[in-house]
């Protein structure tokens, strides 16, 4: 069965962030992911994860300068120094909590040759740097309704970039929500791209809520992943319609050893 990871940036929002590790464990998760942990001390988050008995399987690099509206700097010419600086901060946090995957957001930019070349060069640098830590680089295409103008806009582009970077620790982060918004044809695309997919995430369409609230057949997709032999995690990066735990009824068949 697919293994689920609780996204602590979107689930258990009724609790302060450091308390969400234990809440995820109580709900039956053995793994967590999150977006931006940088306002908390890395050692404190590591202690929370250890105490809760959960693995941290993914988090984002810093997004860059929020005041400039940046959603990643990997593709931005002239921002290479900031990209490397943010990568080191992300590595420090990932090392502290034992996280093996970092999402390197592409950034917002038109599709130009220079932007593409900058993106590939930064990812090659990140791949080499993270290989020293035993970590993987994750690339996630984002839908326009979530991040307007994102450089990375589809699964084919992401897979092409993975091939062009040419490193064995660079993978696609395939989010069912974004992909349904942009492309559809989820089952066939996941099957085709499985060799380059390093992490999956889910939320239903159109509201980005829990499975069962929209148009995606997650019962079928999760069984499909099982048939394909997918051995990684599926991050639950959705906004609950109500209480997080009450909204997890859909997930009960996939949660391991629910804790009292």
C-alpha atoms as a PDB file:
ATOM      1  CA  UNK A   1       0.000   0.000   0.000  1.00  0.00           C
ATOM      2  CA  UNK A   2       1.196   3.568  -0.635  1.00  0.00           C
ATOM      3  CA  UNK A   3       2.725   5.258   2.382  1.00  0.00           C
ATOM      4  CA  UNK A   4       1.238   8.607   3.355  1.00  0.00           C
ATOM      5  CA  UNK A   5       3.126  11.592   4.765  1.00  0.00           C
ATOM      6  CA  UNK A   6       1.304  14.406   6.542  1.00  0.00           C
ATOM      7  CA  UNK A   7       2.128  17.859   5.209  1.00  0.00           C
ATOM      8  CA  UNK A   8       2.457  19.871   8.403  1.00  0.00           C
ATOM      9  CA  UNK A   9       2.146  23.180   6.571  1.00  0.00           C
ATOM     10  CA  UNK A  10      -1.432  22.383   5.573  1.00  0.00           C
ATOM     11  CA  UNK A  11      -2.651  19.761   8.061  1.00  0.00           C
ATOM     12  CA  UNK A  12      -3.255  20.233  11.800  1.00  0.00           C
ATOM     13  CA  UNK A  13      -3.338  24.015  11.370  1.00  0.00           C
ATOM     14  CA  UNK A  14      -5.353  24.256  14.572  1.00  0.00           C
ATOM     15  CA  UNK A  15      -2.073  23.597  16.399  1.00  0.00           C
ATOM     16  CA  UNK A  16       1.216  25.524  16.595  1.00  0.00           C
ATOM     17  CA  UNK A  17       3.610  24.126  14.010  1.00  0.00           C
ATOM     18  CA  UNK A  18       5.982  22.328  16.440  1.00  0.00           C
ATOM     19  CA  UNK A  19       3.028  20.441  17.951  1.00  0.00           C
ATOM     20  CA  UNK A  20       1.928  19.075  14.586  1.00  0.00           C
ATOM     21  CA  UNK A  21       4.582  16.336  14.565  1.00  0.00           C
ATOM     22  CA  UNK A  22       2.964  14.595  17.523  1.00  0.00           C
ATOM     23  CA  UNK A  23      -0.515  15.227  16.116  1.00  0.00           C
ATOM     24  CA  UNK A  24       0.467  13.526  12.871  1.00  0.00           C
ATOM     25  CA  UNK A  25       1.785  10.507  14.775  1.00  0.00           C
ATOM     26  CA  UNK A  26      -1.417  10.276  16.827  1.00  0.00           C
ATOM     27  CA  UNK A  27      -3.430  10.321  13.612  1.00  0.00           C
ATOM     28  CA  UNK A  28      -1.473   7.325  12.311  1.00  0.00           C
ATOM     29  CA  UNK A  29       1.210   8.879  10.101  1.00  0.00           C
ATOM     30  CA  UNK A  30       4.775   7.600  10.339  1.00  0.00           C
ATOM     31  CA  UNK A  31       6.150  10.346   8.075  1.00  0.00           C
ATOM     32  CA  UNK A  32       5.735  14.094   7.598  1.00  0.00           C
ATOM     33  CA  UNK A  33       6.692  16.773   5.112  1.00  0.00           C
ATOM     34  CA  UNK A  34       6.373  20.556   5.204  1.00  0.00           C
ATOM     35  CA  UNK A  35       7.057  23.655   3.164  1.00  0.00           C
ATOM     36  CA  UNK A  36       9.142  26.331   4.922  1.00  0.00           C
ATOM     37  CA  UNK A  37      10.537  25.442   8.364  1.00  0.00           C
ATOM     38  CA  UNK A  38      12.893  28.391   8.630  1.00  0.00           C
ATOM     39  CA  UNK A  39      11.189  30.426  11.352  1.00  0.00           C
ATOM     40  CA  UNK A  40      11.837  27.604  13.834  1.00  0.00           C
ATOM     41  CA  UNK A  41      15.153  26.231  15.046  1.00  0.00           C
ATOM     42  CA  UNK A  42      16.236  23.151  13.108  1.00  0.00           C
ATOM     43  CA  UNK A  43      17.313  21.322  16.263  1.00  0.00           C
ATOM     44  CA  UNK A  44      13.916  21.927  17.865  1.00  0.00           C
ATOM     45  CA  UNK A  45      12.111  20.478  14.867  1.00  0.00           C
ATOM     46  CA  UNK A  46      14.441  17.485  14.861  1.00  0.00           C
ATOM     47  CA  UNK A  47      13.647  16.881  18.530  1.00  0.00           C
ATOM     48  CA  UNK A  48       9.911  17.104  17.831  1.00  0.00           C
ATOM     49  CA  UNK A  49      10.199  14.564  15.016  1.00  0.00           C
ATOM     50  CA  UNK A  50      12.213  12.170  17.186  1.00  0.00           C
ATOM     51  CA  UNK A  51       9.787  12.469  20.087  1.00  0.00           C
ATOM     52  CA  UNK A  52       6.839  11.815  17.792  1.00  0.00           C
ATOM     53  CA  UNK A  53       8.568   8.917  16.052  1.00  0.00           C
ATOM     54  CA  UNK A  54       7.992  10.283  12.550  1.00  0.00           C
ATOM     55  CA  UNK A  55      10.345  10.648   9.598  1.00  0.00           C
ATOM     56  CA  UNK A  56      10.723  13.946   7.766  1.00  0.00           C
ATOM     57  CA  UNK A  57      10.682  13.012   4.084  1.00  0.00           C
ATOM     58  CA  UNK A  58      10.543  16.367   2.256  1.00  0.00           C
ATOM     59  CA  UNK A  59      10.720  20.117   2.669  1.00  0.00           C
ATOM     60  CA  UNK A  60      11.218  23.153   0.462  1.00  0.00           C
ATOM     61  CA  UNK A  61      14.208  25.358  -0.056  1.00  0.00           C
ATOM     62  CA  UNK A  62      13.539  28.959   0.966  1.00  0.00           C
ATOM     63  CA  UNK A  63      11.416  30.709  -1.643  1.00  0.00           C
ATOM     64  CA  UNK A  64      13.774  33.672  -2.091  1.00  0.00           C
ATOM     65  CA  UNK A  65      12.643  37.228  -1.478  1.00  0.00           C
ATOM     66  CA  UNK A  66       8.944  37.141  -0.601  1.00  0.00           C
ATOM     67  CA  UNK A  67       8.812  40.909  -0.871  1.00  0.00           C
ATOM     68  CA  UNK A  68       9.685  40.569  -4.551  1.00  0.00           C
ATOM     69  CA  UNK A  69       7.075  37.874  -5.000  1.00  0.00           C
ATOM     70  CA  UNK A  70       9.661  35.168  -5.574  1.00  0.00           C
ATOM     71  CA  UNK A  71       8.606  31.516  -5.474  1.00  0.00           C
ATOM     72  CA  UNK A  72      12.054  30.041  -5.871  1.00  0.00           C
ATOM     73  CA  UNK A  73      15.196  31.387  -7.512  1.00  0.00           C
ATOM     74  CA  UNK A  74      16.508  28.364  -9.409  1.00  0.00           C
ATOM     75  CA  UNK A  75      15.614  29.709 -12.855  1.00  0.00           C
ATOM     76  CA  UNK A  76      16.369  33.396 -12.261  1.00  0.00           C
ATOM     77  CA  UNK A  77      19.453  34.825 -14.032  1.00  0.00           C
ATOM     78  CA  UNK A  78      21.417  37.005 -11.639  1.00  0.00           C
ATOM     79  CA  UNK A  79      20.103  35.230  -8.535  1.00  0.00           C
ATOM     80  CA  UNK A  80      22.602  32.381  -8.516  1.00  0.00           C
ATOM     81  CA  UNK A  81      24.285  33.589  -5.319  1.00  0.00           C
ATOM     82  CA  UNK A  82      20.949  33.743  -3.513  1.00  0.00           C
ATOM     83  CA  UNK A  83      20.076  30.272  -4.778  1.00  0.00           C
ATOM     84  CA  UNK A  84      23.299  28.830  -3.367  1.00  0.00           C
ATOM     85  CA  UNK A  85      22.871  30.669  -0.083  1.00  0.00           C
ATOM     86  CA  UNK A  86      19.326  29.366   0.313  1.00  0.00           C
ATOM     87  CA  UNK A  87      20.444  25.876  -0.646  1.00  0.00           C
ATOM     88  CA  UNK A  88      22.963  25.834   2.201  1.00  0.00           C
ATOM     89  CA  UNK A  89      20.288  26.909   4.674  1.00  0.00           C
ATOM     90  CA  UNK A  90      17.980  24.186   3.398  1.00  0.00           C
ATOM     91  CA  UNK A  91      20.749  21.595   3.658  1.00  0.00           C
ATOM     92  CA  UNK A  92      21.394  22.560   7.278  1.00  0.00           C
ATOM     93  CA  UNK A  93      17.717  22.077   8.153  1.00  0.00           C
ATOM     94  CA  UNK A  94      17.449  18.853   6.186  1.00  0.00           C
ATOM     95  CA  UNK A  95      20.579  17.458   7.807  1.00  0.00           C
ATOM     96  CA  UNK A  96      19.281  18.276  11.276  1.00  0.00           C
ATOM     97  CA  UNK A  97      15.978  16.451  10.804  1.00  0.00           C
ATOM     98  CA  UNK A  98      17.319  13.674   8.566  1.00  0.00           C
ATOM     99  CA  UNK A  99      15.294  14.769   5.530  1.00  0.00           C
ATOM    100  CA  UNK A 100      16.477  13.135   2.271  1.00  0.00           C
ATOM    101  CA  UNK A 101      14.623  15.357  -0.254  1.00  0.00           C
ATOM    102  CA  UNK A 102      14.644  19.086  -0.964  1.00  0.00           C
ATOM    103  CA  UNK A 103      12.164  20.743  -3.297  1.00  0.00           C
ATOM    104  CA  UNK A 104      14.080  23.327  -5.338  1.00  0.00           C
ATOM    105  CA  UNK A 105      11.346  25.620  -6.634  1.00  0.00           C
ATOM    106  CA  UNK A 106      11.946  26.849 -10.137  1.00  0.00           C
ATOM    107  CA  UNK A 107      10.695  30.410  -9.738  1.00  0.00           C
ATOM    108  CA  UNK A 108       8.508  32.776 -11.747  1.00  0.00           C
ATOM    109  CA  UNK A 109       9.782  33.699 -15.193  1.00  0.00           C
ATOM    110  CA  UNK A 110       8.905  33.593 -18.889  1.00  0.00           C
ATOM    111  CA  UNK A 111      10.234  30.693 -20.949  1.00  0.00           C
ATOM    112  CA  UNK A 112      13.515  31.907 -22.455  1.00  0.00           C
ATOM    113  CA  UNK A 113      16.740  30.167 -23.394  1.00  0.00           C
ATOM    114  CA  UNK A 114      18.726  32.072 -20.736  1.00  0.00           C
ATOM    115  CA  UNK A 115      16.218  31.218 -18.013  1.00  0.00           C
ATOM    116  CA  UNK A 116      16.265  27.552 -19.000  1.00  0.00           C
ATOM    117  CA  UNK A 117      20.067  27.461 -19.011  1.00  0.00           C
ATOM    118  CA  UNK A 118      20.187  29.158 -15.616  1.00  0.00           C
ATOM    119  CA  UNK A 119      17.727  26.626 -14.228  1.00  0.00           C
ATOM    120  CA  UNK A 120      19.673  23.636 -15.480  1.00  0.00           C
ATOM    121  CA  UNK A 121      22.990  25.065 -14.235  1.00  0.00           C
ATOM    122  CA  UNK A 122      21.581  25.723 -10.759  1.00  0.00           C
ATOM    123  CA  UNK A 123      20.089  22.249 -10.586  1.00  0.00           C
ATOM    124  CA  UNK A 124      23.395  20.675 -11.565  1.00  0.00           C
ATOM    125  CA  UNK A 125      25.042  22.614  -8.756  1.00  0.00           C
ATOM    126  CA  UNK A 126      22.310  21.538  -6.318  1.00  0.00           C
ATOM    127  CA  UNK A 127      22.555  17.902  -7.404  1.00  0.00           C
ATOM    128  CA  UNK A 128      26.292  17.848  -6.824  1.00  0.00           C
ATOM    129  CA  UNK A 129      25.952  19.590  -3.464  1.00  0.00           C
ATOM    130  CA  UNK A 130      23.127  17.361  -2.231  1.00  0.00           C
ATOM    131  CA  UNK A 131      24.878  14.192  -3.410  1.00  0.00           C
ATOM    132  CA  UNK A 132      27.507  14.919  -0.745  1.00  0.00           C
ATOM    133  CA  UNK A 133      24.700  14.824   1.843  1.00  0.00           C
ATOM    134  CA  UNK A 134      22.957  11.750   0.438  1.00  0.00           C
ATOM    135  CA  UNK A 135      19.962  13.914  -0.505  1.00  0.00           C
ATOM    136  CA  UNK A 136      17.800  14.259  -3.600  1.00  0.00           C
ATOM    137  CA  UNK A 137      16.716  17.311  -5.599  1.00  0.00           C
ATOM    138  CA  UNK A 138      12.994  17.526  -6.306  1.00  0.00           C
ATOM    139  CA  UNK A 139      11.387  19.492  -9.166  1.00  0.00           C
ATOM    140  CA  UNK A 140       7.675  20.283  -8.941  1.00  0.00           C
ATOM    141  CA  UNK A 141       5.619  21.772 -11.769  1.00  0.00           C
ATOM    142  CA  UNK A 142       3.057  24.203 -10.306  1.00  0.00           C
ATOM    143  CA  UNK A 143      -0.309  25.189 -11.735  1.00  0.00           C
ATOM    144  CA  UNK A 144      -0.984  28.794 -12.680  1.00  0.00           C
ATOM    145  CA  UNK A 145      -3.865  29.075 -10.241  1.00  0.00           C
ATOM    146  CA  UNK A 146      -1.428  28.468  -7.386  1.00  0.00           C
ATOM    147  CA  UNK A 147       1.725  30.200  -8.653  1.00  0.00           C
ATOM    148  CA  UNK A 148       1.032  32.365 -11.684  1.00  0.00           C
ATOM    149  CA  UNK A 149       3.912  32.492 -14.142  1.00  0.00           C
ATOM    150  CA  UNK A 150       5.845  29.534 -12.722  1.00  0.00           C
ATOM    151  CA  UNK A 151       8.654  28.540 -15.100  1.00  0.00           C
ATOM    152  CA  UNK A 152       8.064  24.813 -14.577  1.00  0.00           C
ATOM    153  CA  UNK A 153       4.566  24.163 -15.899  1.00  0.00           C
ATOM    154  CA  UNK A 154       4.201  20.518 -16.821  1.00  0.00           C
ATOM    155  CA  UNK A 155       5.346  16.938 -16.369  1.00  0.00           C
ATOM    156  CA  UNK A 156       7.001  16.676 -19.794  1.00  0.00           C
ATOM    157  CA  UNK A 157       9.085  19.792 -19.153  1.00  0.00           C
ATOM    158  CA  UNK A 158      10.082  18.517 -15.719  1.00  0.00           C
ATOM    159  CA  UNK A 159      11.101  15.116 -17.077  1.00  0.00           C
ATOM    160  CA  UNK A 160      13.108  16.779 -19.845  1.00  0.00           C
ATOM    161  CA  UNK A 161      14.960  18.923 -17.310  1.00  0.00           C
ATOM    162  CA  UNK A 162      15.733  15.865 -15.170  1.00  0.00           C
ATOM    163  CA  UNK A 163      17.316  14.249 -18.228  1.00  0.00           C
ATOM    164  CA  UNK A 164      19.222  17.377 -19.144  1.00  0.00           C
ATOM    165  CA  UNK A 165      20.638  17.828 -15.647  1.00  0.00           C
ATOM    166  CA  UNK A 166      21.900  14.265 -15.905  1.00  0.00           C
ATOM    167  CA  UNK A 167      22.311  13.478 -12.207  1.00  0.00           C
ATOM    168  CA  UNK A 168      21.007  10.355 -10.508  1.00  0.00           C
ATOM    169  CA  UNK A 169      19.669  12.291  -7.499  1.00  0.00           C
ATOM    170  CA  UNK A 170      17.298  14.616  -9.390  1.00  0.00           C
ATOM    171  CA  UNK A 171      13.624  13.655  -9.608  1.00  0.00           C
ATOM    172  CA  UNK A 172      10.167  14.965 -10.405  1.00  0.00           C
ATOM    173  CA  UNK A 173       7.883  15.816  -7.487  1.00  0.00           C
ATOM    174  CA  UNK A 174       4.507  14.893  -8.988  1.00  0.00           C
ATOM    175  CA  UNK A 175       1.540  16.591  -7.311  1.00  0.00           C
ATOM    176  CA  UNK A 176      -1.818  15.160  -8.397  1.00  0.00           C
ATOM    177  CA  UNK A 177      -3.568  18.467  -7.705  1.00  0.00           C
ATOM    178  CA  UNK A 178      -1.317  20.563  -9.927  1.00  0.00           C
ATOM    179  CA  UNK A 179      -1.177  17.909 -12.627  1.00  0.00           C
ATOM    180  CA  UNK A 180      -4.937  17.510 -12.792  1.00  0.00           C
ATOM    181  CA  UNK A 181      -5.282  21.292 -13.083  1.00  0.00           C
ATOM    182  CA  UNK A 182      -2.695  21.458 -15.883  1.00  0.00           C
ATOM    183  CA  UNK A 183      -2.858  18.139 -17.730  1.00  0.00           C
ATOM    184  CA  UNK A 184      -5.172  15.447 -16.433  1.00  0.00           C
ATOM    185  CA  UNK A 185      -4.504  11.855 -17.587  1.00  0.00           C
ATOM    186  CA  UNK A 186      -2.964  11.186 -14.186  1.00  0.00           C
ATOM    187  CA  UNK A 187      -2.746   7.392 -14.137  1.00  0.00           C
ATOM    188  CA  UNK A 188      -1.074   7.056 -17.521  1.00  0.00           C
ATOM    189  CA  UNK A 189       1.315   9.936 -16.874  1.00  0.00           C
ATOM    190  CA  UNK A 190       2.434   8.580 -13.512  1.00  0.00           C
ATOM    191  CA  UNK A 191       2.997   5.156 -15.034  1.00  0.00           C
ATOM    192  CA  UNK A 192       5.072   6.611 -17.878  1.00  0.00           C
ATOM    193  CA  UNK A 193       7.129   8.902 -15.673  1.00  0.00           C
ATOM    194  CA  UNK A 194       7.534   6.604 -12.671  1.00  0.00           C
ATOM    195  CA  UNK A 195      11.298   6.103 -13.249  1.00  0.00           C
ATOM    196  CA  UNK A 196      11.881   9.846 -12.753  1.00  0.00           C
ATOM    197  CA  UNK A 197       9.297  10.439  -9.992  1.00  0.00           C
ATOM    198  CA  UNK A 198      10.859  10.722  -6.560  1.00  0.00           C
ATOM    199  CA  UNK A 199       7.884  11.917  -4.539  1.00  0.00           C
ATOM    200  CA  UNK A 200       4.121  12.273  -4.937  1.00  0.00           C
ATOM    201  CA  UNK A 201       1.618  14.633  -3.349  1.00  0.00           C
ATOM    202  CA  UNK A 202      -2.149  14.786  -3.351  1.00  0.00           C
ATOM    203  CA  UNK A 203      -5.101  17.118  -2.968  1.00  0.00           C
ATOM    204  CA  UNK A 204      -8.465  17.011  -4.691  1.00  0.00           C
ATOM    205  CA  UNK A 205      -9.587  19.318  -7.488  1.00  0.00           C
ATOM    206  CA  UNK A 206     -10.882  21.989  -7.637  1.00  0.00           C
ATOM    207  CA  UNK A 207     -10.810  23.061  -3.987  1.00  0.00           C
ATOM    208  CA  UNK A 208      -7.440  21.558  -2.953  1.00  0.00           C
ATOM    209  CA  UNK A 209      -9.159  19.744  -0.102  1.00  0.00           C
ATOM    210  CA  UNK A 210      -8.968  16.128   1.050  1.00  0.00           C
ATOM    211  CA  UNK A 211      -9.632  13.204  -1.307  1.00  0.00           C
ATOM    212  CA  UNK A 212     -13.324  12.627  -1.852  1.00  0.00           C
ATOM    213  CA  UNK A 213     -14.206  16.322  -2.031  1.00  0.00           C
ATOM    214  CA  UNK A 214     -13.628  16.766  -5.757  1.00  0.00           C
ATOM    215  CA  UNK A 215     -13.212  15.089  -9.108  1.00  0.00           C
ATOM    216  CA  UNK A 216     -10.101  12.920  -8.704  1.00  0.00           C
ATOM    217  CA  UNK A 217     -10.608   9.184  -8.102  1.00  0.00           C
ATOM    218  CA  UNK A 218      -7.973   8.670  -5.423  1.00  0.00           C
ATOM    219  CA  UNK A 219      -9.176   5.169  -4.539  1.00  0.00           C
ATOM    220  CA  UNK A 220      -8.222   4.148  -8.076  1.00  0.00           C
ATOM    221  CA  UNK A 221      -4.982   6.173  -8.173  1.00  0.00           C
ATOM    222  CA  UNK A 222      -3.633   4.839  -4.876  1.00  0.00           C
ATOM    223  CA  UNK A 223      -4.383   1.263  -5.954  1.00  0.00           C
ATOM    224  CA  UNK A 224      -2.731   2.086  -9.275  1.00  0.00           C
ATOM    225  CA  UNK A 225       0.426   3.208  -7.473  1.00  0.00           C
ATOM    226  CA  UNK A 226       0.398  -0.071  -5.571  1.00  0.00           C
ATOM    227  CA  UNK A 227       0.124  -2.039  -8.825  1.00  0.00           C
ATOM    228  CA  UNK A 228       3.009  -0.061 -10.284  1.00  0.00           C
ATOM    229  CA  UNK A 229       5.168  -0.901  -7.280  1.00  0.00           C
ATOM    230  CA  UNK A 230       5.695   2.702  -6.189  1.00  0.00           C
ATOM    231  CA  UNK A 231       7.700   2.471  -2.966  1.00  0.00           C
ATOM    232  CA  UNK A 232       7.929   6.138  -1.982  1.00  0.00           C
ATOM    233  CA  UNK A 233       5.681   8.432   0.018  1.00  0.00           C
ATOM    234  CA  UNK A 234       2.550  10.318  -0.991  1.00  0.00           C
ATOM    235  CA  UNK A 235       2.435  13.678   0.764  1.00  0.00           C
ATOM    236  CA  UNK A 236      -0.978  14.889   1.906  1.00  0.00           C
ATOM    237  CA  UNK A 237      -0.617  18.544   0.942  1.00  0.00           C
ATOM    238  CA  UNK A 238      -4.232  19.640   1.077  1.00  0.00           C
ATOM    239  CA  UNK A 239      -6.332  22.141   3.016  1.00  0.00           C
ATOM    240  CA  UNK A 240      -8.848  20.276   5.188  1.00  0.00           C
ATOM    241  CA  UNK A 241     -12.436  21.410   4.854  1.00  0.00           C
ATOM    242  CA  UNK A 242     -12.771  21.187   8.622  1.00  0.00           C
ATOM    243  CA  UNK A 243     -10.939  19.443  11.447  1.00  0.00           C
ATOM    244  CA  UNK A 244      -7.873  17.614  10.132  1.00  0.00           C
ATOM    245  CA  UNK A 245      -8.499  14.354  12.009  1.00  0.00           C
ATOM    246  CA  UNK A 246     -12.178  14.211  11.076  1.00  0.00           C
ATOM    247  CA  UNK A 247     -11.194  14.732   7.461  1.00  0.00           C
ATOM    248  CA  UNK A 248      -8.785  11.779   7.495  1.00  0.00           C
ATOM    249  CA  UNK A 249     -11.455   9.097   7.196  1.00  0.00           C
ATOM    250  CA  UNK A 250     -10.427   8.585   3.569  1.00  0.00           C
ATOM    251  CA  UNK A 251      -6.878   7.775   4.682  1.00  0.00           C
ATOM    252  CA  UNK A 252      -7.570   5.089   7.290  1.00  0.00           C
ATOM    253  CA  UNK A 253      -6.781   2.124   4.982  1.00  0.00           C
ATOM    254  CA  UNK A 254      -3.345   3.652   4.270  1.00  0.00           C
ATOM    255  CA  UNK A 255      -2.259   4.762   7.744  1.00  0.00           C
ATOM    256  CA  UNK A 256       0.024   2.363   9.523  1.00  0.00           C
ATOM    257  CA  UNK A 257      -0.358   1.426  13.153  1.00  0.00           C
ATOM    258  CA  UNK A 258      -2.620   4.261  14.256  1.00  0.00           C
ATOM    259  CA  UNK A 259      -1.406   5.416  17.672  1.00  0.00           C
ATOM    260  CA  UNK A 260      -3.735   5.844  20.624  1.00  0.00           C
END
